[in-house]
């Protein structure tokens, strides 16, 4: 079983062109980043717990980068040297709280709101991977990482200018269109080509 110990989870908002088009939002000029606490991490086959504070919890499948060695002010042409590998992340979000708060911290930070797994894979092309999410076998999200606005290399350059990244730190690269609601009893499967399936149960 995947078991890593990051100091932080850095997420990127609105990083798929098809998702921006879906929301009728302008393409961002630079990455929009936010943090999820490490206390929100769970793994493959574990349970997503719906919080009492929220009445609308959504799924967001994402390609995640796992950092392999300490880096700061990395240039994009060197970025791949600092990657341990790639995995899958579900950026679970309390959408009603996100809208109410006007910022993202509480909505993204509940315990169990960061499923990752099922494994870390090294030798894949992060810029051309089919990505999809299914709820109870029904496809909800489907795209390809070639639709990302900012590449893996660009994200590492940008984020490492802001903060030092340490081994096992995670960068989650944004979600494609089709985010939707989760309810008790759902089985959520996030799948990325070359990595596998991250499966979690909603309780």
N, C-alpha and C. Protein backbone atom coordinates (compact mmCIF):
# COMPACT_ATOMS: atom_id res chain seq x y z
N UNK A 1 0.83 -1.20 0.00
CA UNK A 1 0.00 0.00 0.00
C UNK A 1 0.87 1.25 0.00
N UNK A 2 0.43 2.24 -0.77
CA UNK A 2 1.13 3.52 -0.80
C UNK A 2 1.11 4.16 0.59
N UNK A 3 2.26 4.60 1.03
CA UNK A 3 2.32 5.28 2.33
C UNK A 3 3.46 6.30 2.28
N UNK A 4 3.09 7.56 2.14
CA UNK A 4 4.09 8.62 2.04
C UNK A 4 3.86 9.64 3.15
N UNK A 5 4.85 10.47 3.37
CA UNK A 5 4.80 11.40 4.50
C UNK A 5 5.16 12.81 4.04
N UNK A 6 4.27 13.46 3.29
CA UNK A 6 4.57 14.80 2.80
C UNK A 6 4.48 15.86 3.89
N UNK A 7 5.21 16.95 3.70
CA UNK A 7 5.04 18.10 4.60
C UNK A 7 3.86 18.97 4.17
N UNK A 8 3.44 18.83 2.91
CA UNK A 8 2.31 19.63 2.40
C UNK A 8 1.76 19.04 1.12
N UNK A 9 0.51 19.40 0.85
CA UNK A 9 -0.15 19.06 -0.41
C UNK A 9 -0.51 20.39 -1.08
N UNK A 10 0.15 20.66 -2.20
CA UNK A 10 -0.09 21.91 -2.95
C UNK A 10 -1.00 21.58 -4.12
N UNK A 11 -2.14 22.25 -4.19
CA UNK A 11 -3.11 21.99 -5.26
C UNK A 11 -3.20 23.18 -6.20
N UNK A 12 -3.57 22.89 -7.44
CA UNK A 12 -3.70 23.91 -8.47
C UNK A 12 -5.15 23.99 -8.90
N UNK A 13 -5.70 25.19 -8.87
CA UNK A 13 -7.08 25.40 -9.29
C UNK A 13 -7.17 25.77 -10.76
N UNK A 14 -8.22 25.33 -11.42
CA UNK A 14 -8.54 25.72 -12.81
C UNK A 14 -7.34 25.53 -13.74
N UNK A 15 -6.92 24.28 -13.92
CA UNK A 15 -5.74 24.02 -14.75
C UNK A 15 -6.06 23.17 -15.98
N UNK A 16 -7.34 23.02 -16.32
CA UNK A 16 -7.71 22.33 -17.56
C UNK A 16 -8.51 23.30 -18.43
N UNK A 17 -8.10 23.41 -19.69
CA UNK A 17 -8.80 24.31 -20.61
C UNK A 17 -10.27 23.93 -20.74
N UNK A 18 -10.56 22.62 -20.81
CA UNK A 18 -11.95 22.20 -20.99
C UNK A 18 -12.78 22.47 -19.74
N UNK A 19 -12.14 22.47 -18.56
CA UNK A 19 -12.85 22.81 -17.33
C UNK A 19 -13.13 24.32 -17.26
N UNK A 20 -12.17 25.13 -17.67
CA UNK A 20 -12.37 26.59 -17.71
C UNK A 20 -13.50 26.94 -18.68
N UNK A 21 -13.52 26.26 -19.83
CA UNK A 21 -14.59 26.50 -20.81
C UNK A 21 -15.94 26.10 -20.25
N UNK A 22 -15.97 24.97 -19.52
CA UNK A 22 -17.21 24.49 -18.90
C UNK A 22 -17.78 25.53 -17.94
N UNK A 23 -16.88 26.21 -17.21
CA UNK A 23 -17.29 27.19 -16.20
C UNK A 23 -17.39 28.61 -16.76
N UNK A 24 -17.12 28.76 -18.07
CA UNK A 24 -17.09 30.09 -18.70
C UNK A 24 -16.15 31.05 -17.97
N UNK A 25 -14.98 30.53 -17.60
CA UNK A 25 -13.99 31.33 -16.89
C UNK A 25 -12.79 31.57 -17.79
N UNK A 26 -12.14 32.72 -17.61
CA UNK A 26 -10.96 33.03 -18.40
C UNK A 26 -9.81 32.11 -18.01
N UNK A 27 -8.94 31.83 -18.99
CA UNK A 27 -7.74 31.04 -18.73
C UNK A 27 -6.82 31.84 -17.82
N UNK A 28 -6.40 31.29 -16.68
CA UNK A 28 -5.53 32.06 -15.77
C UNK A 28 -4.16 32.34 -16.40
N UNK A 29 -3.58 33.49 -16.05
CA UNK A 29 -2.27 33.86 -16.58
C UNK A 29 -1.14 33.20 -15.81
N UNK A 30 -1.40 32.81 -14.58
CA UNK A 30 -0.42 32.07 -13.78
C UNK A 30 -1.18 31.09 -12.90
N UNK A 31 -0.51 30.04 -12.42
CA UNK A 31 -1.23 29.04 -11.62
C UNK A 31 -1.85 29.64 -10.36
N UNK A 32 -3.05 29.17 -10.05
CA UNK A 32 -3.73 29.51 -8.80
C UNK A 32 -3.50 28.33 -7.85
N UNK A 33 -2.80 28.59 -6.73
CA UNK A 33 -2.44 27.47 -5.84
C UNK A 33 -3.09 27.63 -4.47
N UNK A 34 -3.30 26.50 -3.83
CA UNK A 34 -3.81 26.46 -2.46
C UNK A 34 -3.28 25.19 -1.80
N UNK A 35 -3.47 25.08 -0.49
CA UNK A 35 -2.94 23.94 0.26
C UNK A 35 -4.06 23.10 0.85
N UNK A 36 -3.84 21.80 0.89
CA UNK A 36 -4.66 20.89 1.69
C UNK A 36 -3.78 20.38 2.83
N UNK A 37 -4.32 20.21 4.03
CA UNK A 37 -3.49 19.71 5.13
C UNK A 37 -3.20 18.23 4.96
N UNK A 38 -2.06 17.81 5.47
CA UNK A 38 -1.70 16.39 5.38
C UNK A 38 -2.65 15.52 6.19
N UNK A 39 -3.35 16.11 7.16
CA UNK A 39 -4.32 15.35 7.96
C UNK A 39 -5.53 14.92 7.14
N UNK A 40 -5.68 15.47 5.93
CA UNK A 40 -6.82 15.09 5.07
C UNK A 40 -6.52 13.86 4.22
N UNK A 41 -5.28 13.35 4.25
CA UNK A 41 -4.87 12.26 3.38
C UNK A 41 -5.46 10.91 3.83
N UNK A 42 -6.02 10.19 2.86
CA UNK A 42 -6.35 8.77 3.03
C UNK A 42 -5.82 8.04 1.80
N UNK A 43 -5.93 6.71 1.80
CA UNK A 43 -5.34 5.92 0.72
C UNK A 43 -6.39 5.06 0.02
N UNK A 44 -5.93 4.29 -0.94
CA UNK A 44 -6.77 3.40 -1.74
C UNK A 44 -7.62 2.49 -0.85
N UNK A 45 -8.90 2.38 -1.19
CA UNK A 45 -9.88 1.53 -0.50
C UNK A 45 -10.31 2.07 0.87
N UNK A 46 -9.88 3.26 1.24
CA UNK A 46 -10.32 3.85 2.51
C UNK A 46 -11.58 4.70 2.29
N UNK A 47 -12.13 5.22 3.39
CA UNK A 47 -13.45 5.85 3.36
C UNK A 47 -13.38 7.38 3.41
N UNK A 48 -14.15 8.01 2.51
CA UNK A 48 -14.37 9.45 2.53
C UNK A 48 -15.57 9.71 3.45
N UNK A 49 -15.36 10.52 4.47
CA UNK A 49 -16.41 10.79 5.45
C UNK A 49 -17.06 12.14 5.14
N UNK A 50 -18.36 12.13 4.89
CA UNK A 50 -19.09 13.37 4.63
C UNK A 50 -19.24 14.15 5.93
N UNK A 51 -18.80 15.42 5.99
CA UNK A 51 -18.87 16.18 7.24
C UNK A 51 -20.27 16.75 7.50
N UNK A 52 -20.58 16.90 8.78
CA UNK A 52 -21.89 17.44 9.16
C UNK A 52 -22.06 18.89 8.70
N UNK A 53 -20.95 19.63 8.57
CA UNK A 53 -21.04 21.06 8.22
C UNK A 53 -21.46 21.30 6.78
N UNK A 54 -21.39 20.27 5.93
CA UNK A 54 -21.62 20.46 4.50
C UNK A 54 -22.80 19.65 4.00
N UNK A 55 -23.53 20.24 3.04
CA UNK A 55 -24.63 19.53 2.39
C UNK A 55 -24.31 19.25 0.91
N UNK A 56 -23.11 19.61 0.47
CA UNK A 56 -22.73 19.38 -0.94
C UNK A 56 -21.22 19.12 -1.02
N UNK A 57 -20.85 17.85 -1.16
CA UNK A 57 -19.45 17.45 -1.27
C UNK A 57 -19.21 16.90 -2.68
N UNK A 58 -18.18 17.41 -3.35
CA UNK A 58 -17.89 17.06 -4.74
C UNK A 58 -16.58 16.28 -4.87
N UNK A 59 -16.49 15.53 -5.97
CA UNK A 59 -15.26 14.83 -6.35
C UNK A 59 -14.48 15.65 -7.36
N UNK A 60 -13.14 15.49 -7.37
CA UNK A 60 -12.27 16.14 -8.36
C UNK A 60 -11.05 15.26 -8.60
N UNK A 61 -11.04 14.49 -9.67
CA UNK A 61 -9.90 13.62 -9.97
C UNK A 61 -8.73 14.47 -10.50
N UNK A 62 -7.51 14.14 -10.06
CA UNK A 62 -6.34 14.92 -10.46
C UNK A 62 -5.10 14.02 -10.57
N UNK A 63 -4.21 14.38 -11.49
CA UNK A 63 -2.88 13.81 -11.53
C UNK A 63 -2.03 14.50 -10.46
N UNK A 64 -1.35 13.71 -9.64
CA UNK A 64 -0.53 14.27 -8.56
C UNK A 64 0.94 13.95 -8.80
N UNK A 65 1.78 14.94 -8.55
CA UNK A 65 3.24 14.80 -8.62
C UNK A 65 3.74 14.53 -7.20
N UNK A 66 4.60 13.54 -7.05
CA UNK A 66 5.26 13.30 -5.77
C UNK A 66 6.73 13.72 -5.91
N UNK A 67 7.13 14.67 -5.09
CA UNK A 67 8.48 15.22 -5.15
C UNK A 67 9.49 14.20 -4.60
N UNK A 68 10.65 14.10 -5.25
CA UNK A 68 11.64 13.12 -4.85
C UNK A 68 12.79 13.65 -4.04
N UNK A 69 13.10 14.95 -4.22
CA UNK A 69 14.20 15.54 -3.44
C UNK A 69 13.94 17.02 -3.25
N UNK A 70 14.55 17.57 -2.20
CA UNK A 70 14.35 18.97 -1.82
C UNK A 70 14.64 19.88 -3.01
N UNK A 71 13.74 20.82 -3.23
CA UNK A 71 13.96 21.75 -4.34
C UNK A 71 13.43 23.13 -4.04
N UNK A 72 14.15 24.11 -4.56
CA UNK A 72 13.78 25.52 -4.41
C UNK A 72 14.27 26.25 -5.65
N UNK A 73 13.43 27.12 -6.21
CA UNK A 73 13.78 27.91 -7.40
C UNK A 73 14.27 27.03 -8.55
N UNK A 74 13.51 25.98 -8.82
CA UNK A 74 13.86 25.05 -9.90
C UNK A 74 13.39 25.62 -11.23
N UNK A 75 14.23 25.54 -12.24
CA UNK A 75 13.84 25.92 -13.60
C UNK A 75 13.08 24.77 -14.25
N UNK A 76 12.14 25.13 -15.11
CA UNK A 76 11.26 24.08 -15.66
C UNK A 76 12.04 23.03 -16.44
N UNK A 77 13.14 23.43 -17.08
CA UNK A 77 13.91 22.44 -17.83
C UNK A 77 14.59 21.40 -16.93
N UNK A 78 14.70 21.71 -15.64
CA UNK A 78 15.30 20.77 -14.68
C UNK A 78 14.25 20.08 -13.81
N UNK A 79 12.99 20.44 -13.97
CA UNK A 79 11.95 20.05 -13.01
C UNK A 79 11.79 18.53 -12.89
N UNK A 80 11.89 17.83 -14.00
CA UNK A 80 11.65 16.38 -13.96
C UNK A 80 12.67 15.65 -13.10
N UNK A 81 13.84 16.27 -12.89
CA UNK A 81 14.88 15.64 -12.05
C UNK A 81 14.46 15.56 -10.58
N UNK A 82 13.45 16.32 -10.20
CA UNK A 82 13.06 16.40 -8.79
C UNK A 82 11.80 15.58 -8.49
N UNK A 83 11.33 14.82 -9.46
CA UNK A 83 10.08 14.07 -9.30
C UNK A 83 10.37 12.61 -8.94
N UNK A 84 9.77 12.15 -7.84
CA UNK A 84 9.82 10.73 -7.49
C UNK A 84 8.92 9.92 -8.42
N UNK A 85 7.76 10.47 -8.73
CA UNK A 85 6.80 9.80 -9.60
C UNK A 85 5.45 10.48 -9.55
N UNK A 86 4.46 9.78 -10.05
CA UNK A 86 3.11 10.33 -10.17
C UNK A 86 2.10 9.38 -9.54
N UNK A 87 1.03 9.95 -9.01
CA UNK A 87 -0.05 9.15 -8.46
C UNK A 87 -1.37 9.86 -8.77
N UNK A 88 -2.45 9.35 -8.19
CA UNK A 88 -3.78 9.92 -8.41
C UNK A 88 -4.24 10.56 -7.11
N UNK A 89 -4.92 11.70 -7.21
CA UNK A 89 -5.46 12.40 -6.04
C UNK A 89 -6.90 12.81 -6.34
N UNK A 90 -7.77 12.65 -5.35
CA UNK A 90 -9.15 13.13 -5.44
C UNK A 90 -9.27 14.33 -4.51
N UNK A 91 -9.37 15.53 -5.10
CA UNK A 91 -9.45 16.77 -4.32
C UNK A 91 -10.90 16.97 -3.87
N UNK A 92 -11.31 16.19 -2.88
CA UNK A 92 -12.69 16.25 -2.37
C UNK A 92 -12.94 17.63 -1.78
N UNK A 93 -14.10 18.20 -2.10
CA UNK A 93 -14.38 19.60 -1.77
C UNK A 93 -15.82 19.77 -1.28
N UNK A 94 -15.98 20.45 -0.16
CA UNK A 94 -17.32 20.84 0.31
C UNK A 94 -17.72 22.10 -0.46
N UNK A 95 -18.45 21.90 -1.56
CA UNK A 95 -18.69 23.00 -2.50
C UNK A 95 -19.53 24.12 -1.88
N UNK A 96 -20.50 23.76 -1.06
CA UNK A 96 -21.34 24.80 -0.45
C UNK A 96 -20.51 25.67 0.51
N UNK A 97 -19.57 25.06 1.22
CA UNK A 97 -18.71 25.82 2.14
C UNK A 97 -17.74 26.69 1.35
N UNK A 98 -17.23 26.15 0.24
CA UNK A 98 -16.33 26.94 -0.61
C UNK A 98 -17.00 28.23 -1.06
N UNK A 99 -18.26 28.11 -1.49
CA UNK A 99 -19.00 29.30 -1.94
C UNK A 99 -19.30 30.24 -0.78
N UNK A 100 -19.63 29.67 0.38
CA UNK A 100 -20.01 30.47 1.54
C UNK A 100 -18.82 31.24 2.10
N UNK A 101 -17.67 30.56 2.18
CA UNK A 101 -16.49 31.17 2.79
C UNK A 101 -15.81 32.17 1.87
N UNK A 102 -15.96 31.99 0.56
CA UNK A 102 -15.27 32.88 -0.37
C UNK A 102 -13.79 32.56 -0.51
N UNK A 103 -13.32 31.56 0.18
CA UNK A 103 -11.97 31.02 0.00
C UNK A 103 -12.04 29.53 0.29
N UNK A 104 -10.91 28.82 0.11
CA UNK A 104 -11.01 27.38 -0.07
C UNK A 104 -10.55 26.54 1.11
N UNK A 105 -9.97 27.13 2.12
CA UNK A 105 -9.29 26.33 3.13
C UNK A 105 -10.22 25.34 3.83
N UNK A 106 -11.30 25.81 4.41
CA UNK A 106 -12.17 24.91 5.16
C UNK A 106 -12.79 23.86 4.22
N UNK A 107 -13.22 24.29 3.05
CA UNK A 107 -13.92 23.40 2.11
C UNK A 107 -13.06 22.24 1.64
N UNK A 108 -11.75 22.44 1.61
CA UNK A 108 -10.84 21.44 1.07
C UNK A 108 -10.11 20.63 2.15
N UNK A 109 -10.34 20.95 3.42
CA UNK A 109 -9.43 20.50 4.48
C UNK A 109 -9.99 19.46 5.43
N UNK A 110 -11.24 19.06 5.27
CA UNK A 110 -11.80 18.07 6.19
C UNK A 110 -10.98 16.78 6.16
N UNK A 111 -10.93 16.10 7.29
CA UNK A 111 -10.31 14.78 7.33
C UNK A 111 -10.94 13.89 6.24
N UNK A 112 -10.12 13.11 5.57
CA UNK A 112 -10.47 12.17 4.50
C UNK A 112 -10.71 12.84 3.15
N UNK A 113 -10.48 14.14 3.03
CA UNK A 113 -10.76 14.87 1.79
C UNK A 113 -9.59 14.85 0.80
N UNK A 114 -8.59 14.00 1.04
CA UNK A 114 -7.46 13.92 0.11
C UNK A 114 -7.06 12.46 -0.14
N UNK A 115 -7.93 11.69 -0.80
CA UNK A 115 -7.53 10.33 -1.16
C UNK A 115 -6.40 10.36 -2.20
N UNK A 116 -5.36 9.53 -1.98
CA UNK A 116 -4.27 9.41 -2.94
C UNK A 116 -3.92 7.93 -3.12
N UNK A 117 -3.38 7.62 -4.31
CA UNK A 117 -2.95 6.25 -4.57
C UNK A 117 -3.32 5.84 -5.99
N UNK A 118 -3.29 4.55 -6.33
CA UNK A 118 -2.97 3.44 -5.44
C UNK A 118 -1.47 3.19 -5.30
N UNK A 119 -0.67 3.82 -6.21
CA UNK A 119 0.78 3.62 -6.20
C UNK A 119 1.44 4.82 -6.86
N UNK A 120 2.77 4.88 -6.75
CA UNK A 120 3.55 5.92 -7.42
C UNK A 120 4.23 5.29 -8.63
N UNK A 121 4.07 5.96 -9.79
CA UNK A 121 4.61 5.46 -11.05
C UNK A 121 5.57 6.50 -11.61
N UNK A 122 6.69 6.05 -12.13
CA UNK A 122 7.73 6.97 -12.59
C UNK A 122 7.69 7.22 -14.10
N UNK A 123 7.76 6.15 -14.88
CA UNK A 123 8.05 6.30 -16.32
C UNK A 123 6.78 6.43 -17.16
N UNK A 124 6.12 7.57 -17.01
CA UNK A 124 4.97 7.91 -17.85
C UNK A 124 5.12 9.35 -18.31
N UNK A 125 4.41 9.71 -19.38
CA UNK A 125 4.42 11.08 -19.89
C UNK A 125 3.27 11.84 -19.24
N UNK A 126 3.56 12.72 -18.28
CA UNK A 126 2.47 13.39 -17.57
C UNK A 126 1.65 14.33 -18.45
N UNK A 127 2.18 14.65 -19.61
CA UNK A 127 1.50 15.59 -20.49
C UNK A 127 0.55 14.95 -21.49
N UNK A 128 0.35 13.63 -21.40
CA UNK A 128 -0.57 12.96 -22.33
C UNK A 128 -1.09 11.67 -21.71
N UNK A 129 -1.97 11.83 -20.71
CA UNK A 129 -2.55 10.68 -20.01
C UNK A 129 -4.07 10.82 -19.98
N UNK A 130 -4.77 9.76 -20.34
CA UNK A 130 -6.22 9.75 -20.18
C UNK A 130 -6.56 9.75 -18.68
N UNK A 131 -7.54 10.55 -18.31
CA UNK A 131 -7.92 10.69 -16.91
C UNK A 131 -9.44 10.65 -16.82
N UNK A 132 -9.96 9.86 -15.86
CA UNK A 132 -11.42 9.83 -15.70
C UNK A 132 -11.79 9.50 -14.26
N UNK A 133 -13.03 9.81 -13.92
CA UNK A 133 -13.59 9.48 -12.61
C UNK A 133 -14.95 8.87 -12.80
N UNK A 134 -15.20 7.79 -12.04
CA UNK A 134 -16.50 7.12 -12.08
C UNK A 134 -17.10 7.08 -10.68
N UNK A 135 -18.40 7.28 -10.61
CA UNK A 135 -19.14 7.10 -9.36
C UNK A 135 -20.15 5.98 -9.62
N UNK A 136 -20.03 4.89 -8.85
CA UNK A 136 -20.89 3.72 -9.04
C UNK A 136 -20.88 3.26 -10.50
N UNK A 137 -19.67 3.24 -11.09
CA UNK A 137 -19.40 2.77 -12.46
C UNK A 137 -19.83 3.76 -13.54
N UNK A 138 -20.49 4.86 -13.18
CA UNK A 138 -20.92 5.86 -14.16
C UNK A 138 -19.80 6.90 -14.34
N UNK A 139 -19.41 7.14 -15.59
CA UNK A 139 -18.34 8.11 -15.85
C UNK A 139 -18.85 9.52 -15.59
N UNK A 140 -18.15 10.25 -14.74
CA UNK A 140 -18.49 11.63 -14.41
C UNK A 140 -17.49 12.63 -15.02
N UNK A 141 -16.21 12.27 -14.97
CA UNK A 141 -15.16 13.13 -15.50
C UNK A 141 -14.31 12.33 -16.48
N UNK A 142 -13.97 12.96 -17.63
CA UNK A 142 -13.16 12.27 -18.63
C UNK A 142 -12.43 13.30 -19.47
N UNK A 143 -11.10 13.20 -19.50
CA UNK A 143 -10.30 14.15 -20.27
C UNK A 143 -8.93 13.54 -20.50
N UNK A 144 -7.96 14.41 -20.82
CA UNK A 144 -6.57 13.99 -21.00
C UNK A 144 -5.69 15.11 -20.44
N UNK A 145 -4.57 14.73 -19.85
CA UNK A 145 -3.71 15.74 -19.23
C UNK A 145 -3.10 16.70 -20.25
N UNK A 146 -3.22 16.39 -21.54
CA UNK A 146 -2.74 17.36 -22.54
C UNK A 146 -3.60 18.63 -22.52
N UNK A 147 -4.75 18.58 -21.88
CA UNK A 147 -5.61 19.76 -21.75
C UNK A 147 -5.21 20.66 -20.57
N UNK A 148 -4.16 20.29 -19.84
CA UNK A 148 -3.71 21.15 -18.74
C UNK A 148 -3.16 22.46 -19.29
N UNK A 149 -3.48 23.54 -18.61
CA UNK A 149 -3.01 24.86 -19.00
C UNK A 149 -1.53 25.02 -18.67
N UNK A 150 -1.16 24.66 -17.45
CA UNK A 150 0.24 24.71 -17.01
C UNK A 150 0.76 23.28 -16.86
N UNK A 151 1.91 23.02 -17.48
CA UNK A 151 2.49 21.68 -17.46
C UNK A 151 3.07 21.35 -16.10
N UNK A 152 3.40 20.09 -15.91
CA UNK A 152 4.07 19.64 -14.68
C UNK A 152 5.34 20.45 -14.44
N UNK A 153 6.13 20.64 -15.48
CA UNK A 153 7.39 21.38 -15.34
C UNK A 153 7.13 22.83 -14.95
N UNK A 154 6.14 23.46 -15.57
CA UNK A 154 5.82 24.86 -15.25
C UNK A 154 5.31 24.99 -13.82
N UNK A 155 4.55 24.00 -13.36
CA UNK A 155 4.02 24.06 -11.99
C UNK A 155 5.15 23.94 -10.97
N UNK A 156 6.09 23.04 -11.20
CA UNK A 156 7.20 22.89 -10.26
C UNK A 156 8.04 24.17 -10.23
N UNK A 157 8.29 24.76 -11.39
CA UNK A 157 9.04 26.01 -11.41
C UNK A 157 8.31 27.10 -10.61
N UNK A 158 7.02 27.26 -10.88
CA UNK A 158 6.23 28.31 -10.23
C UNK A 158 6.14 28.10 -8.72
N UNK A 159 5.80 26.88 -8.30
CA UNK A 159 5.58 26.62 -6.88
C UNK A 159 6.90 26.66 -6.10
N UNK A 160 7.98 26.16 -6.71
CA UNK A 160 9.26 26.16 -5.99
C UNK A 160 9.86 27.55 -5.86
N UNK A 161 9.37 28.51 -6.63
CA UNK A 161 9.75 29.91 -6.42
C UNK A 161 9.09 30.47 -5.16
N UNK A 162 7.95 29.90 -4.80
CA UNK A 162 7.19 30.36 -3.63
C UNK A 162 7.66 29.66 -2.36
N UNK A 163 7.81 28.36 -2.43
CA UNK A 163 8.07 27.55 -1.23
C UNK A 163 9.03 26.43 -1.55
N UNK A 164 9.84 26.06 -0.57
CA UNK A 164 10.70 24.90 -0.71
C UNK A 164 9.85 23.64 -0.71
N UNK A 165 10.14 22.76 -1.64
CA UNK A 165 9.46 21.46 -1.71
C UNK A 165 10.40 20.38 -1.19
N UNK A 166 9.84 19.47 -0.41
CA UNK A 166 10.62 18.42 0.24
C UNK A 166 10.21 17.05 -0.30
N UNK A 167 11.05 16.02 -0.11
CA UNK A 167 10.68 14.68 -0.54
C UNK A 167 9.31 14.26 0.01
N UNK A 168 8.51 13.67 -0.86
CA UNK A 168 7.14 13.19 -0.58
C UNK A 168 6.09 14.30 -0.67
N UNK A 169 6.50 15.59 -0.75
CA UNK A 169 5.50 16.64 -0.96
C UNK A 169 4.73 16.35 -2.25
N UNK A 170 3.46 16.75 -2.25
CA UNK A 170 2.57 16.46 -3.37
C UNK A 170 2.14 17.76 -4.04
N UNK A 171 2.19 17.75 -5.36
CA UNK A 171 1.56 18.82 -6.15
C UNK A 171 0.44 18.18 -6.95
N UNK A 172 -0.79 18.63 -6.73
CA UNK A 172 -1.93 18.11 -7.46
C UNK A 172 -2.29 19.10 -8.57
N UNK A 173 -2.44 18.59 -9.80
CA UNK A 173 -2.32 19.44 -10.98
C UNK A 173 -3.64 19.97 -11.54
N UNK A 174 -4.72 19.87 -10.77
CA UNK A 174 -6.00 20.40 -11.23
C UNK A 174 -6.92 19.32 -11.79
N UNK A 175 -8.19 19.66 -11.91
CA UNK A 175 -9.19 18.66 -12.30
C UNK A 175 -9.85 19.02 -13.63
N UNK A 176 -10.20 18.01 -14.44
CA UNK A 176 -10.93 18.26 -15.69
C UNK A 176 -12.41 18.52 -15.43
N UNK A 177 -13.18 18.79 -16.49
CA UNK A 177 -14.61 19.09 -16.30
C UNK A 177 -15.38 17.89 -15.76
N UNK A 178 -16.59 18.20 -15.26
CA UNK A 178 -17.50 17.15 -14.82
C UNK A 178 -17.53 16.90 -13.33
N UNK A 179 -16.94 17.82 -12.53
CA UNK A 179 -16.98 17.61 -11.08
C UNK A 179 -18.44 17.51 -10.64
N UNK A 180 -18.69 16.66 -9.64
CA UNK A 180 -20.07 16.43 -9.24
C UNK A 180 -20.17 15.93 -7.81
N UNK A 181 -21.39 15.73 -7.42
CA UNK A 181 -21.71 15.48 -6.01
C UNK A 181 -21.46 14.03 -5.61
N UNK A 182 -21.03 13.88 -4.37
CA UNK A 182 -20.91 12.56 -3.75
C UNK A 182 -21.97 12.41 -2.67
N UNK A 183 -22.47 11.20 -2.52
CA UNK A 183 -23.44 10.95 -1.45
C UNK A 183 -23.09 9.64 -0.75
N UNK A 184 -23.63 9.46 0.43
CA UNK A 184 -23.35 8.28 1.22
C UNK A 184 -23.66 7.00 0.43
N UNK A 185 -22.74 6.06 0.50
CA UNK A 185 -22.90 4.79 -0.21
C UNK A 185 -22.24 4.74 -1.57
N UNK A 186 -21.77 5.89 -2.07
CA UNK A 186 -21.11 5.92 -3.38
C UNK A 186 -19.76 5.21 -3.34
N UNK A 187 -19.41 4.61 -4.47
CA UNK A 187 -18.06 4.09 -4.69
C UNK A 187 -17.43 4.96 -5.77
N UNK A 188 -16.32 5.60 -5.42
CA UNK A 188 -15.65 6.55 -6.32
C UNK A 188 -14.38 5.89 -6.85
N UNK A 189 -14.25 5.87 -8.18
CA UNK A 189 -13.04 5.33 -8.80
C UNK A 189 -12.40 6.39 -9.69
N UNK A 190 -11.18 6.77 -9.32
CA UNK A 190 -10.38 7.70 -10.10
C UNK A 190 -9.36 6.88 -10.89
N UNK A 191 -9.31 7.08 -12.20
CA UNK A 191 -8.39 6.28 -13.03
C UNK A 191 -7.56 7.19 -13.91
N UNK A 192 -6.24 6.95 -13.92
CA UNK A 192 -5.34 7.65 -14.82
C UNK A 192 -4.50 6.61 -15.54
N UNK A 193 -4.43 6.76 -16.85
CA UNK A 193 -3.67 5.85 -17.72
C UNK A 193 -2.24 5.67 -17.18
N UNK A 194 -1.81 4.43 -17.06
CA UNK A 194 -0.46 4.14 -16.64
C UNK A 194 -0.25 4.10 -15.14
N UNK A 195 -1.24 4.56 -14.37
CA UNK A 195 -1.12 4.56 -12.90
C UNK A 195 -2.05 3.53 -12.27
N UNK A 196 -3.30 3.50 -12.70
CA UNK A 196 -4.24 2.54 -12.15
C UNK A 196 -5.51 3.20 -11.67
N UNK A 197 -6.14 2.59 -10.68
CA UNK A 197 -7.44 3.05 -10.16
C UNK A 197 -7.32 3.30 -8.66
N UNK A 198 -7.75 4.48 -8.25
CA UNK A 198 -7.87 4.85 -6.84
C UNK A 198 -9.35 4.72 -6.48
N UNK A 199 -9.67 3.79 -5.58
CA UNK A 199 -11.06 3.51 -5.21
C UNK A 199 -11.31 3.89 -3.76
N UNK A 200 -12.39 4.63 -3.52
CA UNK A 200 -12.77 5.01 -2.16
C UNK A 200 -14.28 4.91 -1.98
N UNK A 201 -14.70 4.78 -0.72
CA UNK A 201 -16.10 4.58 -0.38
C UNK A 201 -16.59 5.77 0.45
N UNK A 202 -17.78 6.27 0.12
CA UNK A 202 -18.32 7.45 0.77
C UNK A 202 -19.25 7.04 1.89
N UNK A 203 -18.99 7.54 3.10
CA UNK A 203 -19.80 7.19 4.27
C UNK A 203 -20.23 8.45 5.00
